[in-house]
Amino acid sequence: MQRPLIIALDFEQKEKRQAFLTHFKGETLDLKIGTEGFYREGAGVIEELKNQGHRIFLDLKLHDIPNTVKQAMKALASLEVDLVNVHAAGGQKMMAAAREGLEAGTLAGRERAKLIAVTQLTSTSEQMLSSDLLINQPMNEVVAHYARVTKESGLDGVVCSAHEVADIHQACGSSFLTVTPGIRLAGDEASDQHRIVTPAEAREKGSWGIVVGRSITKAIDPNAAYHQVKTEWEMNACQTK
């Protein structure tokens, strides 16, 4: 995955997911399978998409005691996805255990999946951070701290809002991966997201990869919407080299 544009396949039914992908025959995509799709379809959805040549971000956000996460990640490694994640709130021991499990489960001679940690969901607002989570520090400081802990735990990067990328790179270096959801085309509804940006803004802020859902999956012409996002993402990349 080189600075990927990842499509979030958050569909209620397998048939809708498959129908959506018919708009992209012959194209190799970066695709995100989350808890909804994985719990419904199981590991078979990963095998199906990998057989079609796509790259996969398995977005399960594991968060449990260290040994449980280690064993779960060891099992997930056999799926040979390209990117997988945990929650940074699980702490250093859990994150380190996740990497151990991922490495142990990766087949000999194969490259292990990139492992990243969720800092704060893009649906989390400053108010929620304080009132619901009892975290009384500014969002950018909380996210930067989680990113530092993630790096110290041996992971490759984090999931964060594009608004926090600069602080994370300052804390962890520019090579530390930053995957940013909450991406919308200009004029699209924010829905349940709070910290959102356009594809061009995400690149300007230094995001390594972006995750785009409804702006593509709910579009009248998904292929056209995908290529519009891709153009904004890559055109901006050329301008900032």
Protein backbone atom coordinates (compact mmCIF):
# COMPACT_ATOMS: atom_id res chain seq x y z
CA MET A 1 0.00 0.00 0.00
CA GLN A 2 1.59 3.24 -1.15
CA ARG A 3 -0.39 6.25 0.06
CA PRO A 4 -3.66 4.40 -0.46
CA LEU A 5 -7.16 5.61 -1.15
CA ILE A 6 -9.13 3.01 0.80
CA ILE A 7 -12.82 2.46 0.13
CA ALA A 8 -14.85 1.52 3.20
CA LEU A 9 -17.12 -1.38 2.21
CA ASP A 10 -19.68 -0.77 4.95
CA PHE A 11 -22.69 -2.49 3.41
CA GLU A 12 -25.62 -4.13 5.16
CA GLN A 13 -25.71 -7.07 2.78
CA LYS A 14 -23.16 -9.14 0.88
CA GLU A 15 -25.16 -8.68 -2.32
CA LYS A 16 -24.94 -4.88 -2.04
CA ARG A 17 -21.16 -5.09 -1.57
CA GLN A 18 -20.82 -7.32 -4.60
CA ALA A 19 -23.09 -5.08 -6.68
CA PHE A 20 -21.02 -2.04 -5.71
CA LEU A 21 -17.79 -3.70 -6.87
CA THR A 22 -19.23 -4.37 -10.32
CA HIS A 23 -18.63 -0.66 -10.96
CA PHE A 24 -14.87 -1.35 -10.76
CA LYS A 25 -14.29 -4.36 -13.02
CA GLY A 26 -10.64 -4.62 -13.96
CA GLU A 27 -9.47 -2.19 -11.28
CA THR A 28 -7.33 -3.08 -8.28
CA LEU A 29 -8.60 -1.32 -5.18
CA ASP A 30 -7.66 -0.75 -1.57
CA LEU A 31 -10.69 -1.87 0.44
CA LYS A 32 -11.65 -1.69 4.10
CA ILE A 33 -13.63 -4.47 5.72
CA GLY A 34 -14.89 -3.47 9.16
CA THR A 35 -16.58 -5.27 12.01
CA GLU A 36 -20.00 -5.19 10.36
CA GLY A 37 -18.90 -6.99 7.21
CA PHE A 38 -16.45 -9.33 8.91
CA TYR A 39 -18.92 -10.45 11.57
CA ARG A 40 -21.59 -11.06 8.96
CA GLU A 41 -19.53 -12.81 6.28
CA GLY A 42 -16.53 -14.13 8.19
CA ALA A 43 -13.10 -14.78 6.76
CA GLY A 44 -14.61 -15.74 3.41
CA VAL A 45 -15.07 -12.09 2.46
CA ILE A 46 -11.32 -11.52 2.79
CA GLU A 47 -10.51 -14.54 0.64
CA GLU A 48 -13.02 -13.43 -1.99
CA LEU A 49 -11.60 -9.92 -2.24
CA LYS A 50 -7.98 -11.06 -2.18
CA ASN A 51 -8.71 -13.52 -5.00
CA GLN A 52 -9.99 -10.56 -7.01
CA GLY A 53 -6.59 -8.89 -6.54
CA HIS A 54 -7.63 -6.19 -4.09
CA ARG A 55 -5.59 -4.99 -1.10
CA ILE A 56 -7.36 -5.22 2.26
CA PHE A 57 -7.47 -3.11 5.41
CA LEU A 58 -9.11 -5.29 8.08
CA ASP A 59 -10.58 -2.73 10.47
CA LEU A 60 -11.54 -4.70 13.60
CA LYS A 61 -9.99 -2.32 16.18
CA LEU A 62 -8.99 -5.10 18.58
CA HIS A 63 -9.11 -4.06 22.25
CA ASP A 64 -8.79 -6.68 24.99
CA ILE A 65 -6.25 -8.09 27.41
CA PRO A 66 -2.79 -8.56 25.83
CA ASN A 67 -2.84 -12.34 25.47
CA THR A 68 -6.32 -12.37 23.91
CA VAL A 69 -5.28 -9.75 21.36
CA LYS A 70 -2.04 -11.61 20.66
CA GLN A 71 -3.85 -14.84 19.87
CA ALA A 72 -6.53 -13.08 17.84
CA MET A 73 -3.92 -11.27 15.76
CA LYS A 74 -2.03 -14.53 15.23
CA ALA A 75 -5.20 -16.02 13.78
CA LEU A 76 -5.93 -12.96 11.63
CA ALA A 77 -2.41 -13.05 10.19
CA SER A 78 -3.35 -16.18 8.24
CA LEU A 79 -5.78 -14.09 6.18
CA GLU A 80 -2.81 -12.21 4.67
CA VAL A 81 -4.46 -8.80 4.75
CA ASP A 82 -2.34 -5.73 4.07
CA LEU A 83 -3.33 -3.52 7.00
CA VAL A 84 -4.90 -4.31 10.38
CA ASN A 85 -5.55 -2.37 13.57
CA VAL A 86 -6.08 -2.27 17.32
CA HIS A 87 -7.18 0.42 19.78
CA ALA A 88 -4.32 2.46 21.23
CA ALA A 89 -6.37 2.80 24.43
CA GLY A 90 -5.49 -0.85 25.11
CA GLY A 91 -2.03 0.31 26.16
CA GLN A 92 1.56 -0.60 25.35
CA LYS A 93 1.48 -4.22 26.51
CA MET A 94 -1.58 -4.96 24.45
CA MET A 95 -0.19 -3.26 21.34
CA ALA A 96 3.17 -5.01 21.68
CA ALA A 97 1.33 -8.32 22.09
CA ALA A 98 -0.65 -7.58 18.94
CA ARG A 99 2.55 -7.19 16.96
CA GLU A 100 3.97 -10.39 18.45
CA GLY A 101 0.86 -12.29 17.45
CA LEU A 102 0.85 -10.82 13.95
CA GLU A 103 4.49 -11.74 13.41
CA ALA A 104 3.99 -15.25 14.81
CA GLY A 105 1.02 -15.87 12.53
CA THR A 106 2.56 -14.52 9.33
CA LEU A 107 3.60 -17.31 6.98
CA ALA A 108 7.33 -17.81 6.40
CA GLY A 109 8.58 -15.75 3.51
CA ARG A 110 5.54 -13.45 3.53
CA GLU A 111 5.53 -9.80 4.58
CA ARG A 112 3.45 -9.17 7.68
CA ALA A 113 0.55 -6.78 7.49
CA LYS A 114 1.09 -3.19 8.57
CA LEU A 115 -0.21 -2.75 12.10
CA ILE A 116 -1.75 0.53 13.21
CA ALA A 117 -3.70 1.76 16.23
CA VAL A 118 -6.83 3.88 16.50
CA THR A 119 -6.17 7.05 18.51
CA GLN A 120 -9.62 8.66 18.78
CA LEU A 121 -12.51 7.94 16.45
CA THR A 122 -13.39 10.74 14.03
CA SER A 123 -16.91 10.63 15.52
CA THR A 124 -15.43 11.75 18.88
CA SER A 125 -15.79 15.46 19.62
CA GLU A 126 -13.95 17.55 22.20
CA GLN A 127 -17.12 17.52 24.31
CA MET A 128 -17.35 13.72 24.18
CA LEU A 129 -13.69 13.42 25.10
CA SER A 130 -14.37 15.33 28.30
CA SER A 131 -17.91 14.33 29.25
CA ASP A 132 -17.98 10.69 28.13
CA LEU A 133 -14.34 9.61 28.48
CA LEU A 134 -13.26 11.95 31.32
CA ILE A 135 -10.18 12.98 29.34
CA ASN A 136 -9.56 16.63 30.13
CA GLN A 137 -6.79 17.36 27.64
CA PRO A 138 -7.21 18.90 24.17
CA MET A 139 -7.89 16.41 21.39
CA ASN A 140 -4.63 17.09 19.55
CA GLU A 141 -2.57 16.45 22.70
CA VAL A 142 -4.44 13.24 23.49
CA VAL A 143 -4.00 11.93 19.96
CA ALA A 144 -0.30 12.84 19.82
CA HIS A 145 0.27 11.07 23.13
CA TYR A 146 -1.52 7.93 21.91
CA ALA A 147 0.60 8.06 18.75
CA ARG A 148 3.84 8.22 20.77
CA VAL A 149 2.75 5.24 22.87
CA THR A 150 1.82 3.38 19.68
CA LYS A 151 5.25 3.96 18.17
CA GLU A 152 6.97 2.92 21.40
CA SER A 153 4.95 -0.30 21.23
CA GLY A 154 6.49 -1.14 17.85
CA LEU A 155 3.53 -0.45 15.59
CA ASP A 156 3.71 1.12 12.15
CA GLY A 157 1.27 3.99 12.57
CA VAL A 158 -2.12 5.19 13.69
CA VAL A 159 -5.64 5.93 12.59
CA CYS A 160 -6.41 9.58 13.23
CA SER A 161 -8.16 12.62 11.86
CA ALA A 162 -6.22 14.55 9.24
CA HIS A 163 -6.40 17.51 11.63
CA GLU A 164 -3.97 15.72 13.95
CA VAL A 165 -1.45 14.47 11.37
CA ALA A 166 0.99 17.37 11.78
CA ASP A 167 1.16 16.89 15.56
CA ILE A 168 1.67 13.14 15.12
CA HIS A 169 4.48 13.60 12.62
CA GLN A 170 6.13 16.11 14.95
CA ALA A 171 5.91 13.58 17.79
CA CYS A 172 6.70 10.40 15.84
CA GLY A 173 8.44 11.39 12.61
CA SER A 174 7.19 11.78 9.05
CA SER A 175 7.59 8.07 8.21
CA PHE A 176 5.08 7.06 10.90
CA LEU A 177 1.91 6.01 9.04
CA THR A 178 -1.21 8.15 9.42
CA VAL A 179 -4.43 6.67 8.08
CA THR A 180 -7.24 9.20 8.09
CA PRO A 181 -10.96 8.43 7.85
CA GLY A 182 -13.59 11.16 7.95
CA ILE A 183 -12.96 12.09 4.32
CA ARG A 184 -15.73 13.81 2.40
CA LEU A 185 -15.97 15.49 -0.97
CA ALA A 186 -16.86 19.17 -0.71
CA GLY A 187 -20.60 19.51 -0.19
CA ASP A 188 -21.17 15.99 1.13
CA GLU A 189 -22.93 15.53 4.46
CA ALA A 190 -20.76 15.03 7.54
CA SER A 191 -23.27 12.55 9.03
CA ASP A 192 -21.90 11.07 12.30
CA GLN A 193 -18.35 12.32 11.70
CA HIS A 194 -17.02 15.44 13.43
CA ARG A 195 -13.38 15.89 12.39
CA ILE A 196 -13.68 15.71 8.59
CA VAL A 197 -11.68 17.02 5.62
CA THR A 198 -11.67 16.75 1.83
CA PRO A 199 -9.18 14.47 0.03
CA ALA A 200 -7.08 17.47 -1.00
CA GLU A 201 -6.99 18.81 2.56
CA ALA A 202 -5.92 15.41 3.88
CA ARG A 203 -2.94 15.31 1.55
CA GLU A 204 -2.01 18.91 2.35
CA LYS A 205 -2.00 18.00 6.02
CA GLY A 206 0.32 15.06 5.34
CA SER A 207 -1.93 12.00 5.60
CA TRP A 208 -0.32 8.77 4.41
CA GLY A 209 -3.61 7.14 3.49
CA ILE A 210 -7.28 8.08 3.46
CA VAL A 211 -10.43 6.04 4.07
CA VAL A 212 -13.50 7.10 2.12
CA GLY A 213 -16.94 5.58 2.55
CA ARG A 214 -20.21 7.30 1.78
CA SER A 215 -18.81 9.86 -0.66
CA ILE A 216 -18.11 6.88 -2.94
CA THR A 217 -20.40 4.07 -1.80
CA LYS A 218 -23.55 6.23 -1.71
CA ALA A 219 -22.79 8.08 -4.93
CA ILE A 220 -25.10 7.74 -7.94
CA ASP A 221 -22.03 6.85 -10.00
CA PRO A 222 -19.54 5.20 -7.58
CA ASN A 223 -16.79 4.85 -10.19
CA ALA A 224 -16.95 8.54 -11.11
CA ALA A 225 -16.97 9.52 -7.43
CA TYR A 226 -13.98 7.25 -6.75
CA HIS A 227 -11.96 8.79 -9.55
CA GLN A 228 -12.93 12.30 -8.42
CA VAL A 229 -11.58 11.51 -4.96
CA LYS A 230 -8.51 9.85 -6.49
CA THR A 231 -7.81 12.87 -8.68
CA GLU A 232 -8.05 15.27 -5.73
CA TRP A 233 -5.85 13.00 -3.62
CA GLU A 234 -3.18 12.41 -6.26
CA MET A 235 -3.25 15.85 -7.92
CA ASN A 236 -2.60 17.43 -4.59
CA ALA A 237 0.21 14.94 -4.03
CA CYS A 238 1.91 16.13 -7.22
CA GLN A 239 1.53 19.75 -6.15
CA THR A 240 3.12 19.12 -2.75
CA LYS A 241 6.14 17.08 -3.86
